[in-house]
Amino acid sequence: MTTSNLRIAFMGTPDFSCTVLKALLQSDHDVVCVYSQPPRKAGRGKSLRPTAVHQLAEENGIEVRTPISLKSEEIQEQFSALNVDVAIVVAYGLLLPKAVLDAPKFGCLNLHASLLPRWRGAAPIQRAIMAGDAETGVGIMQMAEGLDTGDVLADARLPIGPEATAGTLHDELAEVGAKLMVETISLLKSGNIHPKVQPDDGITYAKKIDKAEAIIDWSRSAEELSCHIRGLSPFPGAYFEKDGTRVKILNATVASDQGEAGVVLDDELCIACGSGSLRLITLQRAGKSPMDTKTFLNGFPLPKGERLV
């Protein structure tokens, strides 16, 4: 039995979703409609800007729908009228009511950037790094009405290296997830899918990143702060403030030097932490581009003995 030419509705919003949409467009399947978040005001002119997924879909001649909610009966009927075999949901940003979940022949499949049930919720990539996890991955689940509670149809694991940031891990997971999604939907018609119920043990929630979390607390250990910085790089960026200037740290390495927490230990930006120290590698002042330590210090001196808060 052939598995080609499934009719697909794709629902996604940011760059992470685009990687999966591109893979689907290159497959044998037919993406007949795309749902994405409505255009938002952005840039200096505050003009309305369509999402990354919206732009990609339009470039490929695919109908785009941008409802602010899927709760109305009219919106749900319009979705059902697409008569799709499956809906693929990747970081869409809207809750799917039961009527939408039940409309496609094979239901709605969600690509989630963690090894469920660990890190259900909004920020799984960042939380995995911030928690110091040794590995993460992607999972494809059959969507249910709960928050990331559906049966897992397939997953793939990925180690979190010592230099991984939320940005680099995001890109790796998107590529792995896109390949896994194409492989998974190609098995739908043949029935070679073996769902796994998520266990009750090991459930954690990846709550949305709060801006207040980005402030660096130098009393924490160097290892903890390394995870914290990498988990928030490049956005929103962990930061400290000095003389009214906010400085983001986008990359740093753990060092063994010791000193009073928050004090600059040498002329190459080694900063003492609660235990150990961090050598700052890439920094960014407000309104400036990221720069290496030497370039940063040329325009913003932080001499040995200076205290950061």
C-alpha atoms as a PDB file:
ATOM      1  CA  MET A   1       0.000   0.000   0.000  1.00  0.00           C
ATOM      2  CA  THR A   2       1.471   3.364  -0.958  1.00  0.00           C
ATOM      3  CA  THR A   3       1.976   5.983   1.721  1.00  0.00           C
ATOM      4  CA  SER A   4       2.480   8.919  -0.637  1.00  0.00           C
ATOM      5  CA  ASN A   5       0.248  11.925  -1.124  1.00  0.00           C
ATOM      6  CA  LEU A   6      -1.198  12.342   2.340  1.00  0.00           C
ATOM      7  CA  ARG A   7      -3.148  15.589   2.567  1.00  0.00           C
ATOM      8  CA  ILE A   8      -1.548  17.663   5.312  1.00  0.00           C
ATOM      9  CA  ALA A   9      -2.527  20.787   7.203  1.00  0.00           C
ATOM     10  CA  PHE A  10       0.565  22.354   8.772  1.00  0.00           C
ATOM     11  CA  MET A  11       0.292  24.489  11.903  1.00  0.00           C
ATOM     12  CA  GLY A  12       3.373  26.393  13.079  1.00  0.00           C
ATOM     13  CA  THR A  13       4.851  29.809  13.657  1.00  0.00           C
ATOM     14  CA  PRO A  14       8.634  30.341  14.256  1.00  0.00           C
ATOM     15  CA  ASP A  15      11.848  29.329  12.466  1.00  0.00           C
ATOM     16  CA  PHE A  16      11.886  25.956  14.248  1.00  0.00           C
ATOM     17  CA  SER A  17       8.610  25.114  12.489  1.00  0.00           C
ATOM     18  CA  CYS A  18       9.993  26.196   9.103  1.00  0.00           C
ATOM     19  CA  THR A  19      12.587  23.422   9.112  1.00  0.00           C
ATOM     20  CA  VAL A  20       9.824  20.825   9.402  1.00  0.00           C
ATOM     21  CA  LEU A  21       7.614  22.533   6.818  1.00  0.00           C
ATOM     22  CA  LYS A  22      10.486  22.604   4.313  1.00  0.00           C
ATOM     23  CA  ALA A  23      11.038  18.861   4.797  1.00  0.00           C
ATOM     24  CA  LEU A  24       7.329  18.167   4.224  1.00  0.00           C
ATOM     25  CA  LEU A  25       7.326  20.292   1.075  1.00  0.00           C
ATOM     26  CA  GLN A  26      10.214  18.208  -0.266  1.00  0.00           C
ATOM     27  CA  SER A  27       8.418  14.940   0.512  1.00  0.00           C
ATOM     28  CA  ASP A  28       5.779  13.046  -1.479  1.00  0.00           C
ATOM     29  CA  HIS A  29       2.993  14.471   0.660  1.00  0.00           C
ATOM     30  CA  ASP A  30       0.737  17.429  -0.098  1.00  0.00           C
ATOM     31  CA  VAL A  31       0.641  20.393   2.280  1.00  0.00           C
ATOM     32  CA  VAL A  32      -2.727  21.861   1.337  1.00  0.00           C
ATOM     33  CA  CYS A  33      -3.027  24.602   3.949  1.00  0.00           C
ATOM     34  CA  VAL A  34      -0.904  26.311   6.596  1.00  0.00           C
ATOM     35  CA  TYR A  35      -2.098  27.811   9.868  1.00  0.00           C
ATOM     36  CA  SER A  36       0.121  30.325  11.659  1.00  0.00           C
ATOM     37  CA  GLN A  37      -0.090  33.103  14.230  1.00  0.00           C
ATOM     38  CA  PRO A  38      -1.429  36.413  12.883  1.00  0.00           C
ATOM     39  CA  PRO A  39       1.102  39.030  11.683  1.00  0.00           C
ATOM     40  CA  ARG A  40       2.486  41.146  14.518  1.00  0.00           C
ATOM     41  CA  LYS A  41       3.896  44.668  14.623  1.00  0.00           C
ATOM     42  CA  ALA A  42       7.697  44.572  14.466  1.00  0.00           C
ATOM     43  CA  GLY A  43      10.715  46.689  13.566  1.00  0.00           C
ATOM     44  CA  ARG A  44      11.235  50.403  13.980  1.00  0.00           C
ATOM     45  CA  GLY A  45       8.238  51.234  11.827  1.00  0.00           C
ATOM     46  CA  LYS A  46       6.024  48.849  13.803  1.00  0.00           C
ATOM     47  CA  SER A  47       4.581  47.519  10.560  1.00  0.00           C
ATOM     48  CA  LEU A  48       2.732  44.210  10.532  1.00  0.00           C
ATOM     49  CA  ARG A  49       5.133  41.334   9.874  1.00  0.00           C
ATOM     50  CA  PRO A  50       4.003  37.810   8.996  1.00  0.00           C
ATOM     51  CA  THR A  51       5.528  34.886  10.864  1.00  0.00           C
ATOM     52  CA  ALA A  52       8.415  32.858   9.448  1.00  0.00           C
ATOM     53  CA  VAL A  53       6.052  29.985   8.605  1.00  0.00           C
ATOM     54  CA  HIS A  54       3.577  32.371   6.973  1.00  0.00           C
ATOM     55  CA  GLN A  55       6.288  33.774   4.712  1.00  0.00           C
ATOM     56  CA  LEU A  56       7.598  30.323   3.763  1.00  0.00           C
ATOM     57  CA  ALA A  57       4.107  29.070   2.912  1.00  0.00           C
ATOM     58  CA  GLU A  58       3.343  32.072   0.721  1.00  0.00           C
ATOM     59  CA  GLU A  59       6.654  31.658  -1.099  1.00  0.00           C
ATOM     60  CA  ASN A  60       5.514  28.140  -1.973  1.00  0.00           C
ATOM     61  CA  GLY A  61       2.023  29.134  -3.059  1.00  0.00           C
ATOM     62  CA  ILE A  62       0.225  27.531  -0.107  1.00  0.00           C
ATOM     63  CA  GLU A  63      -2.924  29.014   1.410  1.00  0.00           C
ATOM     64  CA  VAL A  64      -2.241  30.573   4.829  1.00  0.00           C
ATOM     65  CA  ARG A  65      -4.836  31.039   7.559  1.00  0.00           C
ATOM     66  CA  THR A  66      -4.125  33.173  10.631  1.00  0.00           C
ATOM     67  CA  PRO A  67      -7.058  32.955  13.066  1.00  0.00           C
ATOM     68  CA  ILE A  68      -6.547  34.490  16.492  1.00  0.00           C
ATOM     69  CA  SER A  69      -8.327  31.463  17.978  1.00  0.00           C
ATOM     70  CA  LEU A  70      -9.648  28.064  16.886  1.00  0.00           C
ATOM     71  CA  LYS A  71     -12.561  28.087  19.312  1.00  0.00           C
ATOM     72  CA  SER A  72     -15.338  29.297  17.014  1.00  0.00           C
ATOM     73  CA  GLU A  73     -17.566  26.784  15.265  1.00  0.00           C
ATOM     74  CA  GLU A  74     -17.030  28.553  11.941  1.00  0.00           C
ATOM     75  CA  ILE A  75     -13.221  28.258  12.164  1.00  0.00           C
ATOM     76  CA  GLN A  76     -13.516  24.600  13.138  1.00  0.00           C
ATOM     77  CA  GLU A  77     -15.839  23.875  10.204  1.00  0.00           C
ATOM     78  CA  GLN A  78     -13.415  25.568   7.822  1.00  0.00           C
ATOM     79  CA  PHE A  79     -10.634  23.355   9.139  1.00  0.00           C
ATOM     80  CA  SER A  80     -12.740  20.210   8.836  1.00  0.00           C
ATOM     81  CA  ALA A  81     -13.670  21.129   5.254  1.00  0.00           C
ATOM     82  CA  LEU A  82     -10.004  20.790   4.254  1.00  0.00           C
ATOM     83  CA  ASN A  83     -10.516  17.027   4.528  1.00  0.00           C
ATOM     84  CA  VAL A  84      -6.877  16.421   5.469  1.00  0.00           C
ATOM     85  CA  ASP A  85      -5.403  13.072   6.443  1.00  0.00           C
ATOM     86  CA  VAL A  86      -3.254  14.548   9.202  1.00  0.00           C
ATOM     87  CA  ALA A  87      -2.379  17.873  10.806  1.00  0.00           C
ATOM     88  CA  ILE A  88       1.268  18.503  11.701  1.00  0.00           C
ATOM     89  CA  VAL A  89       1.696  20.919  14.605  1.00  0.00           C
ATOM     90  CA  VAL A  90       5.093  22.455  15.402  1.00  0.00           C
ATOM     91  CA  ALA A  91       5.326  25.375  17.854  1.00  0.00           C
ATOM     92  CA  TYR A  92       2.013  26.806  16.630  1.00  0.00           C
ATOM     93  CA  GLY A  93       1.067  28.734  19.743  1.00  0.00           C
ATOM     94  CA  LEU A  94      -2.707  28.170  19.825  1.00  0.00           C
ATOM     95  CA  LEU A  95      -4.638  25.520  21.715  1.00  0.00           C
ATOM     96  CA  LEU A  96      -6.372  22.978  19.479  1.00  0.00           C
ATOM     97  CA  PRO A  97      -9.975  22.243  20.540  1.00  0.00           C
ATOM     98  CA  LYS A  98     -11.255  18.660  20.413  1.00  0.00           C
ATOM     99  CA  ALA A  99     -13.147  19.342  17.179  1.00  0.00           C
ATOM    100  CA  VAL A 100      -9.869  20.246  15.477  1.00  0.00           C
ATOM    101  CA  LEU A 101      -7.955  17.362  17.043  1.00  0.00           C
ATOM    102  CA  ASP A 102     -10.545  14.888  15.797  1.00  0.00           C
ATOM    103  CA  ALA A 103     -11.053  16.267  12.280  1.00  0.00           C
ATOM    104  CA  PRO A 104      -8.093  14.718  10.368  1.00  0.00           C
ATOM    105  CA  LYS A 105      -8.254  11.015   9.528  1.00  0.00           C
ATOM    106  CA  PHE A 106      -5.052  10.309  11.466  1.00  0.00           C
ATOM    107  CA  GLY A 107      -5.506  13.111  13.983  1.00  0.00           C
ATOM    108  CA  CYS A 108      -2.958  15.808  14.844  1.00  0.00           C
ATOM    109  CA  LEU A 109       0.722  15.065  15.354  1.00  0.00           C
ATOM    110  CA  ASN A 110       2.913  17.398  17.381  1.00  0.00           C
ATOM    111  CA  LEU A 111       6.697  17.641  17.203  1.00  0.00           C
ATOM    112  CA  HIS A 112       8.006  18.506  20.671  1.00  0.00           C
ATOM    113  CA  ALA A 113      11.633  19.401  21.382  1.00  0.00           C
ATOM    114  CA  SER A 114      12.244  17.129  24.376  1.00  0.00           C
ATOM    115  CA  LEU A 115      12.136  13.501  25.433  1.00  0.00           C
ATOM    116  CA  LEU A 116       8.635  13.384  26.865  1.00  0.00           C
ATOM    117  CA  PRO A 117       7.415  13.425  29.565  1.00  0.00           C
ATOM    118  CA  ARG A 118      10.466  15.503  30.562  1.00  0.00           C
ATOM    119  CA  TRP A 119      10.080  19.194  29.741  1.00  0.00           C
ATOM    120  CA  ARG A 120       6.500  19.413  28.669  1.00  0.00           C
ATOM    121  CA  GLY A 121       5.531  22.987  27.922  1.00  0.00           C
ATOM    122  CA  ALA A 122       6.803  26.186  26.348  1.00  0.00           C
ATOM    123  CA  ALA A 123      10.613  26.246  26.634  1.00  0.00           C
ATOM    124  CA  PRO A 124      11.983  22.678  26.523  1.00  0.00           C
ATOM    125  CA  ILE A 125      15.250  23.499  24.728  1.00  0.00           C
ATOM    126  CA  GLN A 126      16.248  26.252  27.135  1.00  0.00           C
ATOM    127  CA  ARG A 127      15.189  24.343  30.254  1.00  0.00           C
ATOM    128  CA  ALA A 128      17.130  21.214  29.305  1.00  0.00           C
ATOM    129  CA  ILE A 129      20.377  23.188  29.027  1.00  0.00           C
ATOM    130  CA  MET A 130      19.691  25.321  32.094  1.00  0.00           C
ATOM    131  CA  ALA A 131      19.083  22.174  34.154  1.00  0.00           C
ATOM    132  CA  GLY A 132      22.395  20.664  33.042  1.00  0.00           C
ATOM    133  CA  ASP A 133      20.775  17.707  31.229  1.00  0.00           C
ATOM    134  CA  ALA A 134      23.257  15.462  29.427  1.00  0.00           C
ATOM    135  CA  GLU A 135      20.846  14.714  26.586  1.00  0.00           C
ATOM    136  CA  THR A 136      17.581  15.765  25.058  1.00  0.00           C
ATOM    137  CA  GLY A 137      15.765  14.961  21.848  1.00  0.00           C
ATOM    138  CA  VAL A 138      12.552  15.290  19.913  1.00  0.00           C
ATOM    139  CA  GLY A 139       9.300  13.395  20.208  1.00  0.00           C
ATOM    140  CA  ILE A 140       6.303  13.095  17.925  1.00  0.00           C
ATOM    141  CA  MET A 141       3.082  12.632  19.830  1.00  0.00           C
ATOM    142  CA  GLN A 142      -0.532  12.031  18.973  1.00  0.00           C
ATOM    143  CA  MET A 143      -2.095  15.188  20.307  1.00  0.00           C
ATOM    144  CA  ALA A 144      -4.618  14.999  23.133  1.00  0.00           C
ATOM    145  CA  GLU A 145      -6.432  17.738  25.032  1.00  0.00           C
ATOM    146  CA  GLY A 146      -3.864  17.900  27.852  1.00  0.00           C
ATOM    147  CA  LEU A 147      -0.545  19.794  27.757  1.00  0.00           C
ATOM    148  CA  ASP A 148       1.871  17.535  25.822  1.00  0.00           C
ATOM    149  CA  THR A 149       0.222  14.436  27.268  1.00  0.00           C
ATOM    150  CA  GLY A 150      -0.444  12.406  24.109  1.00  0.00           C
ATOM    151  CA  ASP A 151       1.028   9.028  23.190  1.00  0.00           C
ATOM    152  CA  VAL A 152       4.540   9.195  21.712  1.00  0.00           C
ATOM    153  CA  LEU A 153       4.709   7.770  18.185  1.00  0.00           C
ATOM    154  CA  ALA A 154       8.462   8.223  17.648  1.00  0.00           C
ATOM    155  CA  ASP A 155      11.432   9.921  19.251  1.00  0.00           C
ATOM    156  CA  ALA A 156      15.119  10.582  18.669  1.00  0.00           C
ATOM    157  CA  ARG A 157      17.849  11.379  21.194  1.00  0.00           C
ATOM    158  CA  LEU A 158      20.561  14.012  20.974  1.00  0.00           C
ATOM    159  CA  PRO A 159      23.441  14.659  23.414  1.00  0.00           C
ATOM    160  CA  ILE A 160      23.826  18.146  24.859  1.00  0.00           C
ATOM    161  CA  GLY A 161      27.493  19.030  24.425  1.00  0.00           C
ATOM    162  CA  PRO A 162      29.417  21.252  26.873  1.00  0.00           C
ATOM    163  CA  GLU A 163      29.361  24.157  24.415  1.00  0.00           C
ATOM    164  CA  ALA A 164      25.750  23.780  23.260  1.00  0.00           C
ATOM    165  CA  THR A 165      23.578  26.888  23.451  1.00  0.00           C
ATOM    166  CA  ALA A 166      19.832  27.177  23.065  1.00  0.00           C
ATOM    167  CA  GLY A 167      20.519  28.531  19.587  1.00  0.00           C
ATOM    168  CA  THR A 168      22.737  25.693  18.367  1.00  0.00           C
ATOM    169  CA  LEU A 169      20.603  23.007  20.005  1.00  0.00           C
ATOM    170  CA  HIS A 170      17.476  24.560  18.489  1.00  0.00           C
ATOM    171  CA  ASP A 171      18.919  24.137  14.992  1.00  0.00           C
ATOM    172  CA  GLU A 172      20.088  20.566  15.600  1.00  0.00           C
ATOM    173  CA  LEU A 173      16.744  19.489  17.040  1.00  0.00           C
ATOM    174  CA  ALA A 174      14.839  21.108  14.192  1.00  0.00           C
ATOM    175  CA  GLU A 175      16.816  19.101  11.627  1.00  0.00           C
ATOM    176  CA  VAL A 176      16.451  15.840  13.549  1.00  0.00           C
ATOM    177  CA  GLY A 177      12.765  16.502  14.127  1.00  0.00           C
ATOM    178  CA  ALA A 178      12.051  17.315  10.490  1.00  0.00           C
ATOM    179  CA  LYS A 179      13.572  14.025   9.335  1.00  0.00           C
ATOM    180  CA  LEU A 180      11.727  12.093  12.052  1.00  0.00           C
ATOM    181  CA  MET A 181       8.400  13.695  11.137  1.00  0.00           C
ATOM    182  CA  VAL A 182       8.678  12.748   7.449  1.00  0.00           C
ATOM    183  CA  GLU A 183       9.610   9.187   8.409  1.00  0.00           C
ATOM    184  CA  THR A 184       6.725   8.954  10.880  1.00  0.00           C
ATOM    185  CA  ILE A 185       3.920  10.189   8.657  1.00  0.00           C
ATOM    186  CA  SER A 186       5.111   7.863   5.908  1.00  0.00           C
ATOM    187  CA  LEU A 187       4.203   4.986   8.233  1.00  0.00           C
ATOM    188  CA  LEU A 188       0.702   6.213   9.019  1.00  0.00           C
ATOM    189  CA  LYS A 189      -1.215   4.445   6.241  1.00  0.00           C
ATOM    190  CA  SER A 190       0.722   1.209   6.633  1.00  0.00           C
ATOM    191  CA  GLY A 191      -0.105   1.074  10.335  1.00  0.00           C
ATOM    192  CA  ASN A 192       3.535   0.527  11.307  1.00  0.00           C
ATOM    193  CA  ILE A 193       3.215   2.945  14.205  1.00  0.00           C
ATOM    194  CA  HIS A 194       3.443   1.694  17.771  1.00  0.00           C
ATOM    195  CA  PRO A 195       2.329   4.425  20.195  1.00  0.00           C
ATOM    196  CA  LYS A 196       3.900   4.562  23.645  1.00  0.00           C
ATOM    197  CA  VAL A 197       1.906   5.935  26.565  1.00  0.00           C
ATOM    198  CA  GLN A 198       3.895   8.561  28.423  1.00  0.00           C
ATOM    199  CA  PRO A 199       4.925   7.314  31.886  1.00  0.00           C
ATOM    200  CA  ASP A 200       3.791   9.102  35.018  1.00  0.00           C
ATOM    201  CA  ASP A 201       7.367   9.152  36.318  1.00  0.00           C
ATOM    202  CA  GLY A 202       9.769  11.820  35.153  1.00  0.00           C
ATOM    203  CA  ILE A 203       7.250  14.526  34.287  1.00  0.00           C
ATOM    204  CA  THR A 204       8.723  18.041  34.346  1.00  0.00           C
ATOM    205  CA  TYR A 205       7.408  21.310  32.952  1.00  0.00           C
ATOM    206  CA  ALA A 206       9.389  23.773  30.857  1.00  0.00           C
ATOM    207  CA  LYS A 207       7.738  27.019  31.850  1.00  0.00           C
ATOM    208  CA  LYS A 208       8.106  30.058  29.627  1.00  0.00           C
ATOM    209  CA  ILE A 209      11.324  31.999  30.159  1.00  0.00           C
ATOM    210  CA  ASP A 210      10.761  34.994  32.418  1.00  0.00           C
ATOM    211  CA  LYS A 211      12.870  38.073  31.636  1.00  0.00           C
ATOM    212  CA  ALA A 212      13.809  38.323  35.315  1.00  0.00           C
ATOM    213  CA  GLU A 213      15.604  34.961  35.020  1.00  0.00           C
ATOM    214  CA  ALA A 214      18.155  36.476  32.654  1.00  0.00           C
ATOM    215  CA  ILE A 215      19.884  38.478  35.404  1.00  0.00           C
ATOM    216  CA  ILE A 216      23.140  36.747  36.393  1.00  0.00           C
ATOM    217  CA  ASP A 217      23.600  35.875  40.059  1.00  0.00           C
ATOM    218  CA  TRP A 218      27.359  35.577  40.535  1.00  0.00           C
ATOM    219  CA  SER A 219      26.894  33.769  43.853  1.00  0.00           C
ATOM    220  CA  ARG A 220      25.907  30.629  41.940  1.00  0.00           C
ATOM    221  CA  SER A 221      28.548  28.093  40.940  1.00  0.00           C
ATOM    222  CA  ALA A 222      30.428  28.465  37.671  1.00  0.00           C
ATOM    223  CA  GLU A 223      28.912  25.207  36.398  1.00  0.00           C
ATOM    224  CA  GLU A 224      25.374  26.399  37.131  1.00  0.00           C
ATOM    225  CA  LEU A 225      26.004  29.769  35.504  1.00  0.00           C
ATOM    226  CA  SER A 226      27.528  28.147  32.432  1.00  0.00           C
ATOM    227  CA  CYS A 227      24.291  26.184  31.923  1.00  0.00           C
ATOM    228  CA  HIS A 228      22.237  29.287  32.660  1.00  0.00           C
ATOM    229  CA  ILE A 229      24.121  31.399  30.116  1.00  0.00           C
ATOM    230  CA  ARG A 230      24.073  28.759  27.387  1.00  0.00           C
ATOM    231  CA  GLY A 231      20.387  28.056  27.957  1.00  0.00           C
ATOM    232  CA  LEU A 232      19.537  31.728  27.384  1.00  0.00           C
ATOM    233  CA  SER A 233      21.872  32.286  24.420  1.00  0.00           C
ATOM    234  CA  PRO A 234      21.262  33.980  22.079  1.00  0.00           C
ATOM    235  CA  PHE A 235      17.831  35.027  23.340  1.00  0.00           C
ATOM    236  CA  PRO A 236      16.945  36.614  25.663  1.00  0.00           C
ATOM    237  CA  GLY A 237      20.574  36.509  26.777  1.00  0.00           C
ATOM    238  CA  ALA A 238      21.801  36.240  30.377  1.00  0.00           C
ATOM    239  CA  TYR A 239      23.172  39.599  31.476  1.00  0.00           C
ATOM    240  CA  PHE A 240      24.782  41.781  34.134  1.00  0.00           C
ATOM    241  CA  GLU A 241      24.617  45.552  34.436  1.00  0.00           C
ATOM    242  CA  LYS A 242      27.582  47.866  34.897  1.00  0.00           C
ATOM    243  CA  ASP A 243      27.354  51.658  35.207  1.00  0.00           C
ATOM    244  CA  GLY A 244      23.836  51.594  33.802  1.00  0.00           C
ATOM    245  CA  THR A 245      24.788  49.476  30.790  1.00  0.00           C
ATOM    246  CA  ARG A 246      23.311  46.029  30.257  1.00  0.00           C
ATOM    247  CA  VAL A 247      25.820  43.464  29.025  1.00  0.00           C
ATOM    248  CA  LYS A 248      24.700  40.089  27.727  1.00  0.00           C
ATOM    249  CA  ILE A 249      26.995  37.081  27.992  1.00  0.00           C
ATOM    250  CA  LEU A 250      26.414  34.806  25.025  1.00  0.00           C
ATOM    251  CA  ASN A 251      29.284  32.386  25.599  1.00  0.00           C
ATOM    252  CA  ALA A 252      31.549  31.573  28.549  1.00  0.00           C
ATOM    253  CA  THR A 253      33.694  28.674  29.752  1.00  0.00           C
ATOM    254  CA  VAL A 254      34.187  27.309  33.258  1.00  0.00           C
ATOM    255  CA  ALA A 255      37.560  28.066  34.861  1.00  0.00           C
ATOM    256  CA  SER A 256      39.144  26.960  38.132  1.00  0.00           C
ATOM    257  CA  ASP A 257      40.260  30.375  39.402  1.00  0.00           C
ATOM    258  CA  GLN A 258      38.770  31.400  42.746  1.00  0.00           C
ATOM    259  CA  GLY A 259      37.805  34.728  44.227  1.00  0.00           C
ATOM    260  CA  GLU A 260      34.989  36.806  45.643  1.00  0.00           C
ATOM    261  CA  ALA A 261      31.821  36.263  43.645  1.00  0.00           C
ATOM    262  CA  GLY A 262      31.333  38.855  40.914  1.00  0.00           C
ATOM    263  CA  VAL A 263      34.900  40.194  40.953  1.00  0.00           C
ATOM    264  CA  VAL A 264      36.998  40.388  37.765  1.00  0.00           C
ATOM    265  CA  LEU A 265      40.062  38.189  38.390  1.00  0.00           C
ATOM    266  CA  ASP A 266      42.318  39.153  35.478  1.00  0.00           C
ATOM    267  CA  ASP A 267      42.587  41.330  32.377  1.00  0.00           C
ATOM    268  CA  GLU A 268      40.859  38.768  30.131  1.00  0.00           C
ATOM    269  CA  LEU A 269      37.465  38.744  31.841  1.00  0.00           C
ATOM    270  CA  CYS A 270      37.653  35.784  34.165  1.00  0.00           C
ATOM    271  CA  ILE A 271      34.871  36.402  36.710  1.00  0.00           C
ATOM    272  CA  ALA A 272      34.721  34.742  40.141  1.00  0.00           C
ATOM    273  CA  CYS A 273      31.525  32.849  40.952  1.00  0.00           C
ATOM    274  CA  GLY A 274      30.155  31.307  44.142  1.00  0.00           C
ATOM    275  CA  SER A 275      32.530  28.442  43.385  1.00  0.00           C
ATOM    276  CA  GLY A 276      34.956  28.412  40.488  1.00  0.00           C
ATOM    277  CA  SER A 277      34.878  31.115  37.844  1.00  0.00           C
ATOM    278  CA  LEU A 278      33.757  31.883  34.322  1.00  0.00           C
ATOM    279  CA  ARG A 279      35.891  33.132  31.464  1.00  0.00           C
ATOM    280  CA  LEU A 280      33.680  35.302  29.265  1.00  0.00           C
ATOM    281  CA  ILE A 281      34.058  34.601  25.537  1.00  0.00           C
ATOM    282  CA  THR A 282      31.295  36.452  23.676  1.00  0.00           C
ATOM    283  CA  LEU A 283      29.512  39.550  24.978  1.00  0.00           C
ATOM    284  CA  GLN A 284      26.985  42.030  23.695  1.00  0.00           C
ATOM    285  CA  ARG A 285      26.250  45.540  24.923  1.00  0.00           C
ATOM    286  CA  ALA A 286      22.792  46.995  24.437  1.00  0.00           C
ATOM    287  CA  GLY A 287      22.436  48.226  20.866  1.00  0.00           C
ATOM    288  CA  LYS A 288      25.696  46.606  19.742  1.00  0.00           C
ATOM    289  CA  SER A 289      26.580  43.428  17.869  1.00  0.00           C
ATOM    290  CA  PRO A 290      28.086  40.419  19.693  1.00  0.00           C
ATOM    291  CA  MET A 291      31.860  40.706  20.116  1.00  0.00           C
ATOM    292  CA  ASP A 292      34.802  38.764  21.483  1.00  0.00           C
ATOM    293  CA  THR A 293      36.418  39.635  24.805  1.00  0.00           C
ATOM    294  CA  LYS A 294      39.279  41.730  23.394  1.00  0.00           C
ATOM    295  CA  THR A 295      37.000  43.813  21.199  1.00  0.00           C
ATOM    296  CA  PHE A 296      34.520  44.269  24.042  1.00  0.00           C
ATOM    297  CA  LEU A 297      37.205  45.444  26.497  1.00  0.00           C
ATOM    298  CA  ASN A 298      38.545  47.985  23.997  1.00  0.00           C
ATOM    299  CA  GLY A 299      35.254  49.850  24.202  1.00  0.00           C
ATOM    300  CA  PHE A 300      34.134  48.903  27.708  1.00  0.00           C
ATOM    301  CA  PRO A 301      37.076  48.374  30.105  1.00  0.00           C
ATOM    302  CA  LEU A 302      36.518  46.018  33.050  1.00  0.00           C
ATOM    303  CA  PRO A 303      39.894  45.916  34.806  1.00  0.00           C
ATOM    304  CA  LYS A 304      41.043  43.349  37.356  1.00  0.00           C
ATOM    305  CA  GLY A 305      39.385  43.940  40.723  1.00  0.00           C
ATOM    306  CA  GLU A 306      36.215  45.447  39.231  1.00  0.00           C
ATOM    307  CA  ARG A 307      33.009  44.125  40.763  1.00  0.00           C
ATOM    308  CA  LEU A 308      30.030  43.079  38.668  1.00  0.00           C
ATOM    309  CA  VAL A 309      26.513  42.997  40.108  1.00  0.00           C
END
